PDB file of N, CA and C in Angstrom:
ATOM      1  N   UNK A   1       9.269   7.685  -2.858  1.00  0.00           N
ATOM      2  CA  UNK A   1       9.226   8.423  -3.978  1.00  0.00           C
ATOM      3  C   UNK A   1       7.933   9.352  -3.854  1.00  0.00           C
ATOM      4  N   UNK A   2       8.104  10.658  -4.223  1.00  0.00           N
ATOM      5  CA  UNK A   2       7.051  11.460  -3.921  1.00  0.00           C
ATOM      6  C   UNK A   2       6.783  12.160  -5.476  1.00  0.00           C
ATOM      7  N   UNK A   3       5.301  12.043  -5.704  1.00  0.00           N
ATOM      8  CA  UNK A   3       5.078  12.661  -6.964  1.00  0.00           C
ATOM      9  C   UNK A   3       4.180  14.120  -6.517  1.00  0.00           C
ATOM     10  N   UNK A   4       3.797  14.901  -7.678  1.00  0.00           N
ATOM     11  CA  UNK A   4       3.517  16.191  -7.457  1.00  0.00           C
ATOM     12  C   UNK A   4       1.978  16.067  -6.822  1.00  0.00           C
ATOM     13  N   UNK A   5       1.339  14.973  -7.296  1.00  0.00           N
ATOM     14  CA  UNK A   5      -0.125  14.803  -6.788  1.00  0.00           C
ATOM     15  C   UNK A   5      -0.453  14.169  -5.437  1.00  0.00           C
ATOM     16  N   UNK A   6       0.802  13.408  -4.669  1.00  0.00           N
ATOM     17  CA  UNK A   6       0.606  12.705  -3.629  1.00  0.00           C
ATOM     18  C   UNK A   6      -0.148  13.524  -2.572  1.00  0.00           C
ATOM     19  N   UNK A   7       0.097  14.866  -2.383  1.00  0.00           N
ATOM     20  CA  UNK A   7      -0.574  15.569  -1.340  1.00  0.00           C
ATOM     21  C   UNK A   7      -2.448  15.403  -1.695  1.00  0.00           C
ATOM     22  N   UNK A   8      -2.550  15.199  -2.917  1.00  0.00           N
ATOM     23  CA  UNK A   8      -3.890  15.236  -3.257  1.00  0.00           C
ATOM     24  C   UNK A   8      -4.815  13.979  -3.209  1.00  0.00           C
ATOM     25  N   UNK A   9      -4.074  12.968  -3.281  1.00  0.00           N
ATOM     26  CA  UNK A   9      -4.584  11.479  -3.239  1.00  0.00           C
ATOM     27  C   UNK A   9      -5.021  10.942  -2.025  1.00  0.00           C
ATOM     28  N   UNK A  10      -6.211  10.765  -1.859  1.00  0.00           N
ATOM     29  CA  UNK A  10      -6.802  10.655  -0.196  1.00  0.00           C
ATOM     30  C   UNK A  10      -6.308  11.443   0.586  1.00  0.00           C
ATOM     31  N   UNK A  11      -6.640  12.533   0.417  1.00  0.00           N
ATOM     32  CA  UNK A  11      -6.132  13.884   1.535  1.00  0.00           C
ATOM     33  C   UNK A  11      -7.216  13.477   2.730  1.00  0.00           C
ATOM     34  N   UNK A  12      -8.328  12.959   2.580  1.00  0.00           N
ATOM     35  CA  UNK A  12      -9.291  12.435   3.542  1.00  0.00           C
ATOM     36  C   UNK A  12      -9.271  11.011   3.775  1.00  0.00           C
ATOM     37  N   UNK A  13      -9.017  10.736   4.913  1.00  0.00           N
ATOM     38  CA  UNK A  13      -9.300   9.331   5.583  1.00  0.00           C
ATOM     39  C   UNK A  13     -10.726   8.932   5.516  1.00  0.00           C
ATOM     40  N   UNK A  14     -10.936   7.862   4.586  1.00  0.00           N
ATOM     41  CA  UNK A  14     -12.066   7.470   4.420  1.00  0.00           C
ATOM     42  C   UNK A  14     -12.026   5.816   4.986  1.00  0.00           C
ATOM     43  N   UNK A  15     -12.891   5.718   6.287  1.00  0.00           N
ATOM     44  CA  UNK A  15     -12.991   4.495   6.732  1.00  0.00           C
ATOM     45  C   UNK A  15     -11.627   3.755   7.077  1.00  0.00           C
ATOM     46  N   UNK A  16     -10.892   4.837   7.636  1.00  0.00           N
ATOM     47  CA  UNK A  16      -9.561   4.224   8.386  1.00  0.00           C
ATOM     48  C   UNK A  16      -8.421   4.278   7.065  1.00  0.00           C
ATOM     49  N   UNK A  17      -8.714   4.333   5.651  1.00  0.00           N
ATOM     50  CA  UNK A  17      -7.952   4.199   4.823  1.00  0.00           C
ATOM     51  C   UNK A  17      -7.544   5.595   4.257  1.00  0.00           C
ATOM     52  N   UNK A  18      -6.332   5.639   4.510  1.00  0.00           N
ATOM     53  CA  UNK A  18      -5.609   7.045   3.770  1.00  0.00           C
ATOM     54  C   UNK A  18      -4.530   6.872   2.654  1.00  0.00           C
ATOM     55  N   UNK A  19      -3.922   8.005   2.478  1.00  0.00           N
ATOM     56  CA  UNK A  19      -2.598   8.152   1.466  1.00  0.00           C
ATOM     57  C   UNK A  19      -1.528   7.173   1.718  1.00  0.00           C
ATOM     58  N   UNK A  20      -1.266   7.240   3.124  1.00  0.00           N
ATOM     59  CA  UNK A  20      -0.270   6.250   3.480  1.00  0.00           C
ATOM     60  C   UNK A  20      -0.354   4.742   3.446  1.00  0.00           C
ATOM     61  N   UNK A  21      -1.698   4.472   4.102  1.00  0.00           N
ATOM     62  CA  UNK A  21      -2.284   3.092   3.492  1.00  0.00           C
ATOM     63  C   UNK A  21      -2.302   2.911   2.189  1.00  0.00           C
ATOM     64  N   UNK A  22      -2.632   3.642   1.090  1.00  0.00           N
ATOM     65  CA  UNK A  22      -2.966   3.603  -0.209  1.00  0.00           C
ATOM     66  C   UNK A  22      -1.493   3.284  -0.533  1.00  0.00           C
ATOM     67  N   UNK A  23      -0.442   4.038  -0.523  1.00  0.00           N
ATOM     68  CA  UNK A  23       1.061   4.006  -1.028  1.00  0.00           C
ATOM     69  C   UNK A  23       1.629   2.581  -0.341  1.00  0.00           C
ATOM     70  N   UNK A  24       1.274   2.098   0.912  1.00  0.00           N
ATOM     71  CA  UNK A  24       1.867   1.139   1.420  1.00  0.00           C
ATOM     72  C   UNK A  24       1.176  -0.273   0.590  1.00  0.00           C
ATOM     73  N   UNK A  25      -0.170  -0.307   0.498  1.00  0.00           N
ATOM     74  CA  UNK A  25      -0.658  -1.376  -0.519  1.00  0.00           C
ATOM     75  C   UNK A  25      -0.469  -1.386  -1.924  1.00  0.00           C
ATOM     76  N   UNK A  26      -0.042  -0.208  -2.375  1.00  0.00           N
ATOM     77  CA  UNK A  26       0.381  -0.313  -3.803  1.00  0.00           C
ATOM     78  C   UNK A  26       1.648  -0.866  -3.857  1.00  0.00           C
ATOM     79  N   UNK A  27       2.869  -0.556  -2.941  1.00  0.00           N
ATOM     80  CA  UNK A  27       4.096  -1.138  -2.840  1.00  0.00           C
ATOM     81  C   UNK A  27       3.956  -2.627  -2.872  1.00  0.00           C
ATOM     82  N   UNK A  28       3.125  -3.021  -2.148  1.00  0.00           N
ATOM     83  CA  UNK A  28       2.963  -4.661  -1.821  1.00  0.00           C
ATOM     84  C   UNK A  28       2.389  -5.205  -2.961  1.00  0.00           C
ATOM     85  N   UNK A  29       1.263  -4.604  -3.707  1.00  0.00           N
ATOM     86  CA  UNK A  29       0.976  -5.090  -5.114  1.00  0.00           C
ATOM     87  C   UNK A  29       2.115  -5.114  -6.094  1.00  0.00           C
ATOM     88  N   UNK A  30       3.064  -3.987  -5.983  1.00  0.00           N
ATOM     89  CA  UNK A  30       4.157  -3.957  -6.829  1.00  0.00           C
ATOM     90  C   UNK A  30       4.853  -5.141  -6.602  1.00  0.00           C
ATOM     91  N   UNK A  31       5.231  -5.513  -5.411  1.00  0.00           N
ATOM     92  CA  UNK A  31       6.379  -6.836  -5.245  1.00  0.00           C
ATOM     93  C   UNK A  31       5.399  -7.922  -5.576  1.00  0.00           C
ATOM     94  N   UNK A  32       4.106  -8.255  -5.278  1.00  0.00           N
ATOM     95  CA  UNK A  32       3.464  -9.424  -5.579  1.00  0.00           C
ATOM     96  C   UNK A  32       3.520  -9.432  -7.014  1.00  0.00           C
ATOM     97  N   UNK A  33       3.331  -8.445  -7.813  1.00  0.00           N
ATOM     98  CA  UNK A  33       3.393  -8.769  -9.451  1.00  0.00           C
ATOM     99  C   UNK A  33       4.736  -9.013  -9.730  1.00  0.00           C
ATOM    100  N   UNK A  34       5.705  -8.389  -9.169  1.00  0.00           N
ATOM    101  CA  UNK A  34       7.251  -8.794  -9.368  1.00  0.00           C
ATOM    102  C   UNK A  34       7.330 -10.208  -9.396  1.00  0.00           C
ATOM    103  N   UNK A  35       7.067 -10.661  -8.464  1.00  0.00           N
ATOM    104  CA  UNK A  35       7.227 -12.197  -8.066  1.00  0.00           C
ATOM    105  C   UNK A  35       6.467 -12.991  -8.892  1.00  0.00           C
ATOM    106  N   UNK A  36       5.136 -12.622  -9.382  1.00  0.00           N
ATOM    107  CA  UNK A  36       4.898 -13.587 -10.290  1.00  0.00           C
ATOM    108  C   UNK A  36       5.143 -13.493 -11.742  1.00  0.00           C
ATOM    109  N   UNK A  37       5.975 -12.312 -11.872  1.00  0.00           N
ATOM    110  CA  UNK A  37       6.588 -12.352 -13.394  1.00  0.00           C
ATOM    111  C   UNK A  37       7.917 -12.911 -13.074  1.00  0.00           C
ATOM    112  N   UNK A  38       8.481 -13.319 -11.962  1.00  0.00           N
ATOM    113  CA  UNK A  38       9.881 -13.820 -11.770  1.00  0.00           C
ATOM    114  C   UNK A  38      11.079 -12.819 -11.709  1.00  0.00           C
ATOM    115  N   UNK A  39      10.583 -11.861 -11.251  1.00  0.00           N
ATOM    116  CA  UNK A  39      11.653 -10.903 -11.053  1.00  0.00           C
ATOM    117  C   UNK A  39      11.827 -10.369  -9.657  1.00  0.00           C
ATOM    118  N   UNK A  40      13.165  -9.783  -9.220  1.00  0.00           N
ATOM    119  CA  UNK A  40      13.305  -9.550  -7.740  1.00  0.00           C
ATOM    120  C   UNK A  40      12.488  -8.283  -7.420  1.00  0.00           C
ATOM    121  N   UNK A  41      11.776  -8.599  -6.038  1.00  0.00           N
ATOM    122  CA  UNK A  41      10.853  -7.253  -5.502  1.00  0.00           C
ATOM    123  C   UNK A  41      11.808  -6.007  -5.317  1.00  0.00           C
ATOM    124  N   UNK A  42      11.122  -5.126  -6.031  1.00  0.00           N
ATOM    125  CA  UNK A  42      11.565  -3.853  -6.134  1.00  0.00           C
ATOM    126  C   UNK A  42      11.570  -2.967  -4.663  1.00  0.00           C
ATOM    127  N   UNK A  43      10.504  -3.394  -4.039  1.00  0.00           N
ATOM    128  CA  UNK A  43      10.462  -2.526  -2.562  1.00  0.00           C
ATOM    129  C   UNK A  43      10.279  -3.745  -1.512  1.00  0.00           C
ATOM    130  N   UNK A  44      11.433  -4.086  -1.047  1.00  0.00           N
ATOM    131  CA  UNK A  44      11.524  -5.029  -0.057  1.00  0.00           C
ATOM    132  C   UNK A  44      10.846  -4.831   1.121  1.00  0.00           C
ATOM    133  N   UNK A  45      10.419  -5.758   1.956  1.00  0.00           N
ATOM    134  CA  UNK A  45       9.660  -5.559   3.293  1.00  0.00           C
ATOM    135  C   UNK A  45       8.314  -4.974   3.415  1.00  0.00           C
ATOM    136  N   UNK A  46       7.627  -5.085   2.131  1.00  0.00           N
ATOM    137  CA  UNK A  46       6.255  -4.634   2.320  1.00  0.00           C
ATOM    138  C   UNK A  46       5.359  -5.562   3.000  1.00  0.00           C
ATOM    139  N   UNK A  47       3.817  -5.109   3.682  1.00  0.00           N
ATOM    140  CA  UNK A  47       3.088  -6.028   3.880  1.00  0.00           C
ATOM    141  C   UNK A  47       1.690  -5.723   3.311  1.00  0.00           C
ATOM    142  N   UNK A  48       0.824  -6.546   3.260  1.00  0.00           N
ATOM    143  CA  UNK A  48      -0.812  -6.258   2.505  1.00  0.00           C
ATOM    144  C   UNK A  48      -1.313  -5.416   3.760  1.00  0.00           C
ATOM    145  N   UNK A  49      -1.415  -4.291   3.888  1.00  0.00           N
ATOM    146  CA  UNK A  49      -2.068  -3.494   4.961  1.00  0.00           C
ATOM    147  C   UNK A  49      -3.632  -3.824   4.955  1.00  0.00           C
ATOM    148  N   UNK A  50      -4.403  -4.416   4.131  1.00  0.00           N
ATOM    149  CA  UNK A  50      -5.606  -4.881   4.316  1.00  0.00           C
ATOM    150  C   UNK A  50      -5.687  -5.787   4.941  1.00  0.00           C
ATOM    151  N   UNK A  51      -5.047  -6.791   5.242  1.00  0.00           N
ATOM    152  CA  UNK A  51      -5.149  -7.872   6.365  1.00  0.00           C
ATOM    153  C   UNK A  51      -4.261  -7.856   7.357  1.00  0.00           C
ATOM    154  N   UNK A  52      -3.393  -6.904   7.306  1.00  0.00           N
ATOM    155  CA  UNK A  52      -2.221  -6.763   8.525  1.00  0.00           C
ATOM    156  C   UNK A  52      -3.095  -6.202   9.565  1.00  0.00           C
ATOM    157  N   UNK A  53      -3.421  -6.757  10.945  1.00  0.00           N
ATOM    158  CA  UNK A  53      -4.353  -6.209  12.032  1.00  0.00           C
ATOM    159  C   UNK A  53      -3.788  -5.231  12.549  1.00  0.00           C
ATOM    160  N   UNK A  54      -2.163  -4.940  12.666  1.00  0.00           N
ATOM    161  CA  UNK A  54      -1.572  -4.161  13.490  1.00  0.00           C
ATOM    162  C   UNK A  54      -1.524  -2.858  12.882  1.00  0.00           C
ATOM    163  N   UNK A  55      -1.777  -2.537  11.404  1.00  0.00           N
ATOM    164  CA  UNK A  55      -1.867  -1.246  10.747  1.00  0.00           C
ATOM    165  C   UNK A  55      -3.061  -1.144   9.959  1.00  0.00           C
ATOM    166  N   UNK A  56      -4.395  -1.820  10.041  1.00  0.00           N
ATOM    167  CA  UNK A  56      -5.391  -1.409   9.293  1.00  0.00           C
ATOM    168  C   UNK A  56      -6.628  -2.036  10.091  1.00  0.00           C
ATOM    169  N   UNK A  57      -7.606  -1.281   9.978  1.00  0.00           N
ATOM    170  CA  UNK A  57      -9.205  -1.716  10.504  1.00  0.00           C
ATOM    171  C   UNK A  57      -9.592  -3.004   9.770  1.00  0.00           C
ATOM    172  N   UNK A  58     -10.087  -3.904  10.393  1.00  0.00           N
ATOM    173  CA  UNK A  58     -10.686  -5.045   9.748  1.00  0.00           C
ATOM    174  C   UNK A  58     -12.134  -4.905  10.326  1.00  0.00           C
ATOM    175  N   UNK A  59     -13.144  -4.754   8.926  1.00  0.00           N
ATOM    176  CA  UNK A  59     -14.667  -4.382   9.208  1.00  0.00           C
ATOM    177  C   UNK A  59     -15.240  -5.984   8.781  1.00  0.00           C
ATOM    178  N   UNK A  60     -16.414  -6.263   9.614  1.00  0.00           N
ATOM    179  CA  UNK A  60     -17.181  -7.422   9.306  1.00  0.00           C
ATOM    180  C   UNK A  60     -17.500  -7.991  10.633  1.00  0.00           C
TER     181      UNK A  60
END
């Protein structure tokens, strides 16, 4: 789903977090919330990009 402001959100990568990671994380949270309220995940196959070491940098 592309919205008119998609290209403006996180246009600049900050600490290796960019618009693509943001949308993938948003999809993960959407699925997590769906499970919490007992409905089918609307976006199958999502992963938490903040803890997936293959797609996000871990700091610390």
